[in-house]
Amino acid sequence: MDESAGIKVHLALKGKGYDSKSAIEELRGAKDLEIIEVAKKENRILITCDKDFGRLALLYKPPGAIILRLSDERAKNKVKYLLLTIERYKERLYGSLIIITEYKVRFRKIS
């Protein structure tokens, strides 16, 4: 999980039993490409609020990427929409760039 997603989102996912790792705890200050390389090495879905990761995901192809583009960026709202998406579309997370807004979820193949 990229730093922009926030530590509270990471902790909420861990609390729900997901194997979440946070750049805040383990890669503070890392460049975007470093975070993508770790996601690839560890076969992890990248979660971020940074829209630049969309372009980077298409170029460098992590296992999957989720970009939260919410107007209400409070941690509680991020967790709500992230969990809804993970639970509803779990079979589509790998191999996709996923853009989440309050109104829709968009998918684009990245692998």
PDB file of N, CA and C in Angstrom:
ATOM      1  N   MET A   1       0.845  -1.164   0.000  1.00  0.00           N
ATOM      2  CA  MET A   1       0.000   0.000   0.000  1.00  0.00           C
ATOM      3  C   MET A   1       0.897   1.235   0.000  1.00  0.00           C
ATOM      4  N   ASP A   2       0.625   2.124  -0.920  1.00  0.00           N
ATOM      5  CA  ASP A   2       1.377   3.364  -1.046  1.00  0.00           C
ATOM      6  C   ASP A   2       1.095   4.283   0.152  1.00  0.00           C
ATOM      7  N   GLU A   3       2.038   5.171   0.436  1.00  0.00           N
ATOM      8  CA  GLU A   3       1.869   6.105   1.554  1.00  0.00           C
ATOM      9  C   GLU A   3       0.606   6.947   1.429  1.00  0.00           C
ATOM     10  N   SER A   4       0.209   7.284   0.204  1.00  0.00           N
ATOM     11  CA  SER A   4      -0.954   8.158   0.005  1.00  0.00           C
ATOM     12  C   SER A   4      -2.265   7.531   0.471  1.00  0.00           C
ATOM     13  N   ALA A   5      -2.321   6.216   0.539  1.00  0.00           N
ATOM     14  CA  ALA A   5      -3.549   5.550   1.003  1.00  0.00           C
ATOM     15  C   ALA A   5      -3.734   5.739   2.507  1.00  0.00           C
ATOM     16  N   GLY A   6      -2.631   5.843   3.232  1.00  0.00           N
ATOM     17  CA  GLY A   6      -2.713   6.137   4.657  1.00  0.00           C
ATOM     18  C   GLY A   6      -2.596   4.916   5.555  1.00  0.00           C
ATOM     19  N   ILE A   7      -2.047   5.145   6.718  1.00  0.00           N
ATOM     20  CA  ILE A   7      -1.832   4.070   7.686  1.00  0.00           C
ATOM     21  C   ILE A   7      -3.145   3.514   8.231  1.00  0.00           C
ATOM     22  N   LYS A   8      -4.165   4.360   8.386  1.00  0.00           N
ATOM     23  CA  LYS A   8      -5.444   3.882   8.917  1.00  0.00           C
ATOM     24  C   LYS A   8      -6.097   2.884   7.960  1.00  0.00           C
ATOM     25  N   VAL A   9      -5.955   3.101   6.671  1.00  0.00           N
ATOM     26  CA  VAL A   9      -6.511   2.171   5.688  1.00  0.00           C
ATOM     27  C   VAL A   9      -5.770   0.841   5.784  1.00  0.00           C
ATOM     28  N   HIS A  10      -4.466   0.900   5.860  1.00  0.00           N
ATOM     29  CA  HIS A  10      -3.641  -0.311   6.019  1.00  0.00           C
ATOM     30  C   HIS A  10      -4.061  -1.089   7.269  1.00  0.00           C
ATOM     31  N   LEU A  11      -4.175  -0.400   8.386  1.00  0.00           N
ATOM     32  CA  LEU A  11      -4.537  -1.068   9.640  1.00  0.00           C
ATOM     33  C   LEU A  11      -5.947  -1.654   9.585  1.00  0.00           C
ATOM     34  N   ALA A  12      -6.860  -0.963   8.911  1.00  0.00           N
ATOM     35  CA  ALA A  12      -8.227  -1.494   8.771  1.00  0.00           C
ATOM     36  C   ALA A  12      -8.225  -2.777   7.956  1.00  0.00           C
ATOM     37  N   LEU A  13      -7.434  -2.822   6.882  1.00  0.00           N
ATOM     38  CA  LEU A  13      -7.350  -4.048   6.073  1.00  0.00           C
ATOM     39  C   LEU A  13      -6.745  -5.190   6.892  1.00  0.00           C
ATOM     40  N   LYS A  14      -5.683  -4.897   7.623  1.00  0.00           N
ATOM     41  CA  LYS A  14      -5.082  -5.926   8.485  1.00  0.00           C
ATOM     42  C   LYS A  14      -6.099  -6.419   9.508  1.00  0.00           C
ATOM     43  N   GLY A  15      -6.879  -5.495  10.064  1.00  0.00           N
ATOM     44  CA  GLY A  15      -7.895  -5.852  11.043  1.00  0.00           C
ATOM     45  C   GLY A  15      -8.982  -6.754  10.481  1.00  0.00           C
ATOM     46  N   LYS A  16      -9.190  -6.668   9.167  1.00  0.00           N
ATOM     47  CA  LYS A  16     -10.172  -7.529   8.490  1.00  0.00           C
ATOM     48  C   LYS A  16      -9.540  -8.835   8.017  1.00  0.00           C
ATOM     49  N   GLY A  17      -8.257  -9.042   8.328  1.00  0.00           N
ATOM     50  CA  GLY A  17      -7.602 -10.298   7.984  1.00  0.00           C
ATOM     51  C   GLY A  17      -6.836 -10.289   6.666  1.00  0.00           C
ATOM     52  N   TYR A  18      -6.730  -9.144   6.021  1.00  0.00           N
ATOM     53  CA  TYR A  18      -5.978  -9.067   4.761  1.00  0.00           C
ATOM     54  C   TYR A  18      -4.488  -8.931   5.056  1.00  0.00           C
ATOM     55  N   ASP A  19      -3.674  -9.514   4.196  1.00  0.00           N
ATOM     56  CA  ASP A  19      -2.217  -9.461   4.321  1.00  0.00           C
ATOM     57  C   ASP A  19      -1.725  -8.156   3.708  1.00  0.00           C
ATOM     58  N   SER A  20      -1.900  -7.077   4.432  1.00  0.00           N
ATOM     59  CA  SER A  20      -1.571  -5.745   3.951  1.00  0.00           C
ATOM     60  C   SER A  20      -0.193  -5.318   4.449  1.00  0.00           C
ATOM     61  N   LYS A  21       0.569  -4.680   3.562  1.00  0.00           N
ATOM     62  CA  LYS A  21       1.848  -4.068   3.928  1.00  0.00           C
ATOM     63  C   LYS A  21       1.781  -2.605   3.530  1.00  0.00           C
ATOM     64  N   SER A  22       2.332  -1.750   4.365  1.00  0.00           N
ATOM     65  CA  SER A  22       2.260  -0.320   4.122  1.00  0.00           C
ATOM     66  C   SER A  22       3.636   0.272   3.843  1.00  0.00           C
ATOM     67  N   ALA A  23       3.715   1.093   2.813  1.00  0.00           N
ATOM     68  CA  ALA A  23       4.954   1.818   2.528  1.00  0.00           C
ATOM     69  C   ALA A  23       5.308   2.742   3.690  1.00  0.00           C
ATOM     70  N   ILE A  24       4.321   3.209   4.419  1.00  0.00           N
ATOM     71  CA  ILE A  24       4.579   4.085   5.564  1.00  0.00           C
ATOM     72  C   ILE A  24       5.434   3.351   6.597  1.00  0.00           C
ATOM     73  N   GLU A  25       5.155   2.080   6.811  1.00  0.00           N
ATOM     74  CA  GLU A  25       5.895   1.300   7.802  1.00  0.00           C
ATOM     75  C   GLU A  25       7.196   0.731   7.252  1.00  0.00           C
ATOM     76  N   GLU A  26       7.204   0.356   5.981  1.00  0.00           N
ATOM     77  CA  GLU A  26       8.329  -0.416   5.463  1.00  0.00           C
ATOM     78  C   GLU A  26       9.144   0.265   4.371  1.00  0.00           C
ATOM     79  N   LEU A  27       8.575   1.239   3.677  1.00  0.00           N
ATOM     80  CA  LEU A  27       9.271   1.871   2.551  1.00  0.00           C
ATOM     81  C   LEU A  27       9.095   3.384   2.564  1.00  0.00           C
ATOM     82  N   ARG A  28       9.078   3.966   3.732  1.00  0.00           N
ATOM     83  CA  ARG A  28       8.820   5.410   3.843  1.00  0.00           C
ATOM     84  C   ARG A  28       9.765   6.184   2.931  1.00  0.00           C
ATOM     85  N   GLY A  29       9.170   7.058   2.122  1.00  0.00           N
ATOM     86  CA  GLY A  29       9.948   7.895   1.219  1.00  0.00           C
ATOM     87  C   GLY A  29      10.406   7.212  -0.053  1.00  0.00           C
ATOM     88  N   ALA A  30       9.995   5.967  -0.259  1.00  0.00           N
ATOM     89  CA  ALA A  30      10.424   5.233  -1.462  1.00  0.00           C
ATOM     90  C   ALA A  30       9.831   5.860  -2.714  1.00  0.00           C
ATOM     91  N   LYS A  31      10.558   5.765  -3.791  1.00  0.00           N
ATOM     92  CA  LYS A  31      10.080   6.225  -5.092  1.00  0.00           C
ATOM     93  C   LYS A  31       8.969   5.294  -5.575  1.00  0.00           C
ATOM     94  N   ASP A  32       8.102   5.812  -6.434  1.00  0.00           N
ATOM     95  CA  ASP A  32       6.977   5.027  -6.950  1.00  0.00           C
ATOM     96  C   ASP A  32       7.442   3.721  -7.588  1.00  0.00           C
ATOM     97  N   LEU A  33       8.502   3.773  -8.375  1.00  0.00           N
ATOM     98  CA  LEU A  33       8.980   2.556  -9.046  1.00  0.00           C
ATOM     99  C   LEU A  33       9.491   1.517  -8.056  1.00  0.00           C
ATOM    100  N   GLU A  34      10.067   1.956  -6.945  1.00  0.00           N
ATOM    101  CA  GLU A  34      10.494   1.018  -5.905  1.00  0.00           C
ATOM    102  C   GLU A  34       9.288   0.290  -5.323  1.00  0.00           C
ATOM    103  N   ILE A  35       8.214   1.019  -5.096  1.00  0.00           N
ATOM    104  CA  ILE A  35       6.996   0.425  -4.537  1.00  0.00           C
ATOM    105  C   ILE A  35       6.414  -0.585  -5.526  1.00  0.00           C
ATOM    106  N   ILE A  36       6.414  -0.243  -6.793  1.00  0.00           N
ATOM    107  CA  ILE A  36       5.926  -1.176  -7.814  1.00  0.00           C
ATOM    108  C   ILE A  36       6.788  -2.428  -7.857  1.00  0.00           C
ATOM    109  N   GLU A  37       8.095  -2.280  -7.772  1.00  0.00           N
ATOM    110  CA  GLU A  37       8.991  -3.445  -7.797  1.00  0.00           C
ATOM    111  C   GLU A  37       8.749  -4.367  -6.609  1.00  0.00           C
ATOM    112  N   VAL A  38       8.514  -3.797  -5.430  1.00  0.00           N
ATOM    113  CA  VAL A  38       8.201  -4.621  -4.254  1.00  0.00           C
ATOM    114  C   VAL A  38       6.875  -5.344  -4.468  1.00  0.00           C
ATOM    115  N   ALA A  39       5.877  -4.647  -5.003  1.00  0.00           N
ATOM    116  CA  ALA A  39       4.572  -5.287  -5.274  1.00  0.00           C
ATOM    117  C   ALA A  39       4.757  -6.457  -6.238  1.00  0.00           C
ATOM    118  N   LYS A  40       5.569  -6.273  -7.263  1.00  0.00           N
ATOM    119  CA  LYS A  40       5.819  -7.354  -8.228  1.00  0.00           C
ATOM    120  C   LYS A  40       6.541  -8.524  -7.563  1.00  0.00           C
ATOM    121  N   LYS A  41       7.589  -8.213  -6.815  1.00  0.00           N
ATOM    122  CA  LYS A  41       8.385  -9.252  -6.154  1.00  0.00           C
ATOM    123  C   LYS A  41       7.543 -10.078  -5.185  1.00  0.00           C
ATOM    124  N   GLU A  42       6.629  -9.407  -4.465  1.00  0.00           N
ATOM    125  CA  GLU A  42       5.831 -10.081  -3.441  1.00  0.00           C
ATOM    126  C   GLU A  42       4.430 -10.457  -3.925  1.00  0.00           C
ATOM    127  N   ASN A  43       4.154 -10.236  -5.224  1.00  0.00           N
ATOM    128  CA  ASN A  43       2.857 -10.565  -5.829  1.00  0.00           C
ATOM    129  C   ASN A  43       1.694  -9.913  -5.076  1.00  0.00           C
ATOM    130  N   ARG A  44       1.809  -8.598  -4.882  1.00  0.00           N
ATOM    131  CA  ARG A  44       0.812  -7.840  -4.134  1.00  0.00           C
ATOM    132  C   ARG A  44       0.068  -6.856  -5.025  1.00  0.00           C
ATOM    133  N   ILE A  45      -1.177  -6.602  -4.646  1.00  0.00           N
ATOM    134  CA  ILE A  45      -1.984  -5.570  -5.287  1.00  0.00           C
ATOM    135  C   ILE A  45      -1.568  -4.234  -4.675  1.00  0.00           C
ATOM    136  N   LEU A  46      -1.260  -3.268  -5.501  1.00  0.00           N
ATOM    137  CA  LEU A  46      -0.865  -1.944  -5.041  1.00  0.00           C
ATOM    138  C   LEU A  46      -2.123  -1.105  -4.819  1.00  0.00           C
ATOM    139  N   ILE A  47      -2.217  -0.468  -3.662  1.00  0.00           N
ATOM    140  CA  ILE A  47      -3.351   0.403  -3.334  1.00  0.00           C
ATOM    141  C   ILE A  47      -2.805   1.802  -3.113  1.00  0.00           C
ATOM    142  N   THR A  48      -3.409   2.789  -3.772  1.00  0.00           N
ATOM    143  CA  THR A  48      -2.907   4.154  -3.713  1.00  0.00           C
ATOM    144  C   THR A  48      -4.021   5.165  -3.959  1.00  0.00           C
ATOM    145  N   CYS A  49      -3.740   6.403  -3.633  1.00  0.00           N
ATOM    146  CA  CYS A  49      -4.611   7.524  -3.996  1.00  0.00           C
ATOM    147  C   CYS A  49      -3.922   8.396  -5.045  1.00  0.00           C
ATOM    148  N   ASP A  50      -2.754   8.006  -5.458  1.00  0.00           N
ATOM    149  CA  ASP A  50      -1.918   8.757  -6.387  1.00  0.00           C
ATOM    150  C   ASP A  50      -2.238   8.347  -7.826  1.00  0.00           C
ATOM    151  N   LYS A  51      -2.867   9.247  -8.575  1.00  0.00           N
ATOM    152  CA  LYS A  51      -3.299   8.897  -9.930  1.00  0.00           C
ATOM    153  C   LYS A  51      -2.132   8.640 -10.875  1.00  0.00           C
ATOM    154  N   ASP A  52      -0.930   9.087 -10.535  1.00  0.00           N
ATOM    155  CA  ASP A  52       0.240   8.785 -11.373  1.00  0.00           C
ATOM    156  C   ASP A  52       0.509   7.291 -11.464  1.00  0.00           C
ATOM    157  N   PHE A  53       0.064   6.538 -10.474  1.00  0.00           N
ATOM    158  CA  PHE A  53       0.273   5.095 -10.503  1.00  0.00           C
ATOM    159  C   PHE A  53      -0.502   4.421 -11.634  1.00  0.00           C
ATOM    160  N   GLY A  54      -1.522   5.061 -12.154  1.00  0.00           N
ATOM    161  CA  GLY A  54      -2.249   4.487 -13.285  1.00  0.00           C
ATOM    162  C   GLY A  54      -1.345   4.315 -14.482  1.00  0.00           C
ATOM    163  N   ARG A  55      -0.651   5.352 -14.838  1.00  0.00           N
ATOM    164  CA  ARG A  55       0.292   5.303 -15.964  1.00  0.00           C
ATOM    165  C   ARG A  55       1.430   4.331 -15.660  1.00  0.00           C
ATOM    166  N   LEU A  56       1.948   4.400 -14.437  1.00  0.00           N
ATOM    167  CA  LEU A  56       3.051   3.518 -14.058  1.00  0.00           C
ATOM    168  C   LEU A  56       2.634   2.052 -14.055  1.00  0.00           C
ATOM    169  N   ALA A  57       1.415   1.775 -13.626  1.00  0.00           N
ATOM    170  CA  ALA A  57       0.926   0.393 -13.624  1.00  0.00           C
ATOM    171  C   ALA A  57       0.848  -0.154 -15.043  1.00  0.00           C
ATOM    172  N   LEU A  58       0.413   0.672 -15.981  1.00  0.00           N
ATOM    173  CA  LEU A  58       0.326   0.217 -17.368  1.00  0.00           C
ATOM    174  C   LEU A  58       1.712  -0.004 -17.970  1.00  0.00           C
ATOM    175  N   LEU A  59       2.689   0.761 -17.535  1.00  0.00           N
ATOM    176  CA  LEU A  59       4.055   0.611 -18.048  1.00  0.00           C
ATOM    177  C   LEU A  59       4.817  -0.536 -17.383  1.00  0.00           C
ATOM    178  N   TYR A  60       4.713  -0.642 -16.051  1.00  0.00           N
ATOM    179  CA  TYR A  60       5.561  -1.571 -15.300  1.00  0.00           C
ATOM    180  C   TYR A  60       4.841  -2.808 -14.790  1.00  0.00           C
ATOM    181  N   LYS A  61       3.551  -2.881 -14.967  1.00  0.00           N
ATOM    182  CA  LYS A  61       2.729  -4.060 -14.746  1.00  0.00           C
ATOM    183  C   LYS A  61       2.905  -4.776 -13.395  1.00  0.00           C
ATOM    184  N   PRO A  62       2.501  -4.113 -12.315  1.00  0.00           N
ATOM    185  CA  PRO A  62       2.446  -4.847 -11.040  1.00  0.00           C
ATOM    186  C   PRO A  62       1.328  -5.888 -11.137  1.00  0.00           C
ATOM    187  N   PRO A  63       1.241  -6.796 -10.170  1.00  0.00           N
ATOM    188  CA  PRO A  63       0.186  -7.824 -10.225  1.00  0.00           C
ATOM    189  C   PRO A  63      -1.222  -7.236 -10.318  1.00  0.00           C
ATOM    190  N   GLY A  64      -1.414  -6.057  -9.773  1.00  0.00           N
ATOM    191  CA  GLY A  64      -2.692  -5.350  -9.811  1.00  0.00           C
ATOM    192  C   GLY A  64      -2.511  -4.002  -9.138  1.00  0.00           C
ATOM    193  N   ALA A  65      -3.399  -3.077  -9.440  1.00  0.00           N
ATOM    194  CA  ALA A  65      -3.318  -1.755  -8.824  1.00  0.00           C
ATOM    195  C   ALA A  65      -4.722  -1.212  -8.614  1.00  0.00           C
ATOM    196  N   ILE A  66      -4.929  -0.634  -7.452  1.00  0.00           N
ATOM    197  CA  ILE A  66      -6.195   0.016  -7.123  1.00  0.00           C
ATOM    198  C   ILE A  66      -5.901   1.474  -6.814  1.00  0.00           C
ATOM    199  N   ILE A  67      -6.583   2.363  -7.520  1.00  0.00           N
ATOM    200  CA  ILE A  67      -6.435   3.792  -7.276  1.00  0.00           C
ATOM    201  C   ILE A  67      -7.748   4.323  -6.719  1.00  0.00           C
ATOM    202  N   LEU A  68      -7.677   4.885  -5.524  1.00  0.00           N
ATOM    203  CA  LEU A  68      -8.845   5.478  -4.879  1.00  0.00           C
ATOM    204  C   LEU A  68      -8.941   6.939  -5.305  1.00  0.00           C
ATOM    205  N   ARG A  69     -10.012   7.295  -6.007  1.00  0.00           N
ATOM    206  CA  ARG A  69     -10.244   8.665  -6.481  1.00  0.00           C
ATOM    207  C   ARG A  69     -11.550   9.156  -5.858  1.00  0.00           C
ATOM    208  N   LEU A  70     -11.515   9.366  -4.557  1.00  0.00           N
ATOM    209  CA  LEU A  70     -12.714   9.706  -3.800  1.00  0.00           C
ATOM    210  C   LEU A  70     -12.740  11.196  -3.474  1.00  0.00           C
ATOM    211  N   SER A  71     -13.917  11.795  -3.535  1.00  0.00           N
ATOM    212  CA  SER A  71     -14.023  13.202  -3.157  1.00  0.00           C
ATOM    213  C   SER A  71     -13.887  13.370  -1.637  1.00  0.00           C
ATOM    214  N   ASP A  72     -14.367  12.392  -0.883  1.00  0.00           N
ATOM    215  CA  ASP A  72     -14.209  12.379   0.579  1.00  0.00           C
ATOM    216  C   ASP A  72     -13.041  11.442   0.884  1.00  0.00           C
ATOM    217  N   GLU A  73     -11.887  12.007   1.205  1.00  0.00           N
ATOM    218  CA  GLU A  73     -10.678  11.216   1.381  1.00  0.00           C
ATOM    219  C   GLU A  73     -10.399  10.816   2.825  1.00  0.00           C
ATOM    220  N   ARG A  74     -11.416  10.898   3.684  1.00  0.00           N
ATOM    221  CA  ARG A  74     -11.213  10.418   5.051  1.00  0.00           C
ATOM    222  C   ARG A  74     -10.978   8.916   5.028  1.00  0.00           C
ATOM    223  N   ALA A  75     -10.172   8.446   5.959  1.00  0.00           N
ATOM    224  CA  ALA A  75      -9.806   7.030   6.011  1.00  0.00           C
ATOM    225  C   ALA A  75     -11.041   6.125   6.048  1.00  0.00           C
ATOM    226  N   LYS A  76     -12.034   6.505   6.807  1.00  0.00           N
ATOM    227  CA  LYS A  76     -13.259   5.691   6.925  1.00  0.00           C
ATOM    228  C   LYS A  76     -13.914   5.481   5.557  1.00  0.00           C
ATOM    229  N   ASN A  77     -13.935   6.530   4.742  1.00  0.00           N
ATOM    230  CA  ASN A  77     -14.535   6.433   3.419  1.00  0.00           C
ATOM    231  C   ASN A  77     -13.673   5.589   2.479  1.00  0.00           C
ATOM    232  N   LYS A  78     -12.358   5.762   2.558  1.00  0.00           N
ATOM    233  CA  LYS A  78     -11.445   4.942   1.742  1.00  0.00           C
ATOM    234  C   LYS A  78     -11.642   3.465   2.058  1.00  0.00           C
ATOM    235  N   VAL A  79     -11.696   3.138   3.345  1.00  0.00           N
ATOM    236  CA  VAL A  79     -11.868   1.750   3.773  1.00  0.00           C
ATOM    237  C   VAL A  79     -13.196   1.201   3.265  1.00  0.00           C
ATOM    238  N   LYS A  80     -14.245   1.975   3.394  1.00  0.00           N
ATOM    239  CA  LYS A  80     -15.577   1.540   2.954  1.00  0.00           C
ATOM    240  C   LYS A  80     -15.570   1.125   1.482  1.00  0.00           C
ATOM    241  N   TYR A  81     -15.098   2.012   0.614  1.00  0.00           N
ATOM    242  CA  TYR A  81     -15.130   1.717  -0.821  1.00  0.00           C
ATOM    243  C   TYR A  81     -14.106   0.662  -1.221  1.00  0.00           C
ATOM    244  N   LEU A  82     -12.984   0.641  -0.550  1.00  0.00           N
ATOM    245  CA  LEU A  82     -11.984  -0.373  -0.839  1.00  0.00           C
ATOM    246  C   LEU A  82     -12.494  -1.767  -0.481  1.00  0.00           C
ATOM    247  N   LEU A  83     -13.068  -1.915   0.701  1.00  0.00           N
ATOM    248  CA  LEU A  83     -13.594  -3.225   1.109  1.00  0.00           C
ATOM    249  C   LEU A  83     -14.751  -3.672   0.216  1.00  0.00           C
ATOM    250  N   LEU A  84     -15.634  -2.753  -0.140  1.00  0.00           N
ATOM    251  CA  LEU A  84     -16.731  -3.110  -1.049  1.00  0.00           C
ATOM    252  C   LEU A  84     -16.189  -3.641  -2.369  1.00  0.00           C
ATOM    253  N   THR A  85     -15.168  -2.990  -2.889  1.00  0.00           N
ATOM    254  CA  THR A  85     -14.585  -3.396  -4.170  1.00  0.00           C
ATOM    255  C   THR A  85     -13.857  -4.725  -4.046  1.00  0.00           C
ATOM    256  N   ILE A  86     -13.051  -4.885  -3.017  1.00  0.00           N
ATOM    257  CA  ILE A  86     -12.312  -6.143  -2.824  1.00  0.00           C
ATOM    258  C   ILE A  86     -13.275  -7.308  -2.692  1.00  0.00           C
ATOM    259  N   GLU A  87     -14.316  -7.139  -1.904  1.00  0.00           N
ATOM    260  CA  GLU A  87     -15.251  -8.237  -1.681  1.00  0.00           C
ATOM    261  C   GLU A  87     -16.082  -8.545  -2.926  1.00  0.00           C
ATOM    262  N   ARG A  88     -16.488  -7.524  -3.656  1.00  0.00           N
ATOM    263  CA  ARG A  88     -17.334  -7.715  -4.823  1.00  0.00           C
ATOM    264  C   ARG A  88     -16.559  -8.227  -6.043  1.00  0.00           C
ATOM    265  N   TYR A  89     -15.312  -7.807  -6.187  1.00  0.00           N
ATOM    266  CA  TYR A  89     -14.549  -8.101  -7.400  1.00  0.00           C
ATOM    267  C   TYR A  89     -13.252  -8.855  -7.136  1.00  0.00           C
ATOM    268  N   LYS A  90     -13.189  -9.640  -6.067  1.00  0.00           N
ATOM    269  CA  LYS A  90     -11.926 -10.275  -5.682  1.00  0.00           C
ATOM    270  C   LYS A  90     -11.289 -11.104  -6.794  1.00  0.00           C
ATOM    271  N   GLU A  91     -12.092 -11.680  -7.659  1.00  0.00           N
ATOM    272  CA  GLU A  91     -11.538 -12.500  -8.747  1.00  0.00           C
ATOM    273  C   GLU A  91     -10.942 -11.655  -9.869  1.00  0.00           C
ATOM    274  N   ARG A  92     -11.167 -10.354  -9.848  1.00  0.00           N
ATOM    275  CA  ARG A  92     -10.670  -9.473 -10.908  1.00  0.00           C
ATOM    276  C   ARG A  92      -9.532  -8.556 -10.454  1.00  0.00           C
ATOM    277  N   LEU A  93      -9.085  -8.671  -9.210  1.00  0.00           N
ATOM    278  CA  LEU A  93      -8.073  -7.764  -8.687  1.00  0.00           C
ATOM    279  C   LEU A  93      -6.712  -7.938  -9.371  1.00  0.00           C
ATOM    280  N   TYR A  94      -6.300  -9.191  -9.534  1.00  0.00           N
ATOM    281  CA  TYR A  94      -5.012  -9.451 -10.179  1.00  0.00           C
ATOM    282  C   TYR A  94      -5.137  -9.237 -11.678  1.00  0.00           C
ATOM    283  N   GLY A  95      -4.151  -8.540 -12.236  1.00  0.00           N
ATOM    284  CA  GLY A  95      -4.138  -8.283 -13.672  1.00  0.00           C
ATOM    285  C   GLY A  95      -4.935  -7.071 -14.086  1.00  0.00           C
ATOM    286  N   SER A  96      -5.406  -6.285 -13.111  1.00  0.00           N
ATOM    287  CA  SER A  96      -6.244  -5.124 -13.428  1.00  0.00           C
ATOM    288  C   SER A  96      -5.727  -3.854 -12.778  1.00  0.00           C
ATOM    289  N   LEU A  97      -5.946  -2.764 -13.475  1.00  0.00           N
ATOM    290  CA  LEU A  97      -5.843  -1.428 -12.900  1.00  0.00           C
ATOM    291  C   LEU A  97      -7.286  -1.047 -12.578  1.00  0.00           C
ATOM    292  N   ILE A  98      -7.549  -0.756 -11.316  1.00  0.00           N
ATOM    293  CA  ILE A  98      -8.915  -0.502 -10.859  1.00  0.00           C
ATOM    294  C   ILE A  98      -8.981   0.925 -10.313  1.00  0.00           C
ATOM    295  N   ILE A  99      -9.918   1.689 -10.824  1.00  0.00           N
ATOM    296  CA  ILE A  99     -10.139   3.052 -10.356  1.00  0.00           C
ATOM    297  C   ILE A  99     -11.463   3.056  -9.600  1.00  0.00           C
ATOM    298  N   ILE A 100     -11.417   3.461  -8.341  1.00  0.00           N
ATOM    299  CA  ILE A 100     -12.613   3.477  -7.494  1.00  0.00           C
ATOM    300  C   ILE A 100     -13.021   4.927  -7.223  1.00  0.00           C
ATOM    301  N   THR A 101     -14.274   5.256  -7.515  1.00  0.00           N
ATOM    302  CA  THR A 101     -14.868   6.526  -7.100  1.00  0.00           C
ATOM    303  C   THR A 101     -16.109   6.186  -6.275  1.00  0.00           C
ATOM    304  N   GLU A 102     -16.748   7.209  -5.745  1.00  0.00           N
ATOM    305  CA  GLU A 102     -17.983   6.954  -5.000  1.00  0.00           C
ATOM    306  C   GLU A 102     -19.103   6.452  -5.900  1.00  0.00           C
ATOM    307  N   TYR A 103     -18.963   6.647  -7.203  1.00  0.00           N
ATOM    308  CA  TYR A 103     -20.062   6.351  -8.126  1.00  0.00           C
ATOM    309  C   TYR A 103     -19.849   5.138  -9.016  1.00  0.00           C
ATOM    310  N   LYS A 104     -18.578   4.748  -9.215  1.00  0.00           N
ATOM    311  CA  LYS A 104     -18.344   3.585 -10.066  1.00  0.00           C
ATOM    312  C   LYS A 104     -16.960   3.013  -9.830  1.00  0.00           C
ATOM    313  N   VAL A 105     -16.793   1.801 -10.353  1.00  0.00           N
ATOM    314  CA  VAL A 105     -15.511   1.112 -10.320  1.00  0.00           C
ATOM    315  C   VAL A 105     -15.173   0.785 -11.764  1.00  0.00           C
ATOM    316  N   ARG A 106     -13.983   1.232 -12.201  1.00  0.00           N
ATOM    317  CA  ARG A 106     -13.549   0.983 -13.590  1.00  0.00           C
ATOM    318  C   ARG A 106     -12.373   0.034 -13.580  1.00  0.00           C
ATOM    319  N   PHE A 107     -12.325  -0.846 -14.581  1.00  0.00           N
ATOM    320  CA  PHE A 107     -11.273  -1.828 -14.714  1.00  0.00           C
ATOM    321  C   PHE A 107     -10.551  -1.657 -16.041  1.00  0.00           C
ATOM    322  N   ARG A 108      -9.247  -1.851 -16.009  1.00  0.00           N
ATOM    323  CA  ARG A 108      -8.447  -1.896 -17.226  1.00  0.00           C
ATOM    324  C   ARG A 108      -7.392  -2.982 -17.040  1.00  0.00           C
ATOM    325  N   LYS A 109      -7.245  -3.841 -18.037  1.00  0.00           N
ATOM    326  CA  LYS A 109      -6.262  -4.924 -17.966  1.00  0.00           C
ATOM    327  C   LYS A 109      -4.855  -4.332 -17.973  1.00  0.00           C
ATOM    328  N   ILE A 110      -3.980  -4.889 -17.117  1.00  0.00           N
ATOM    329  CA  ILE A 110      -2.589  -4.449 -17.127  1.00  0.00           C
ATOM    330  C   ILE A 110      -1.629  -5.579 -17.422  1.00  0.00           C
ATOM    331  N   SER A 111      -2.118  -6.794 -17.516  1.00  0.00           N
ATOM    332  CA  SER A 111      -1.180  -7.897 -17.817  1.00  0.00           C
ATOM    333  C   SER A 111      -1.694  -8.728 -18.970  1.00  0.00           C
TER     334      SER A 111
END
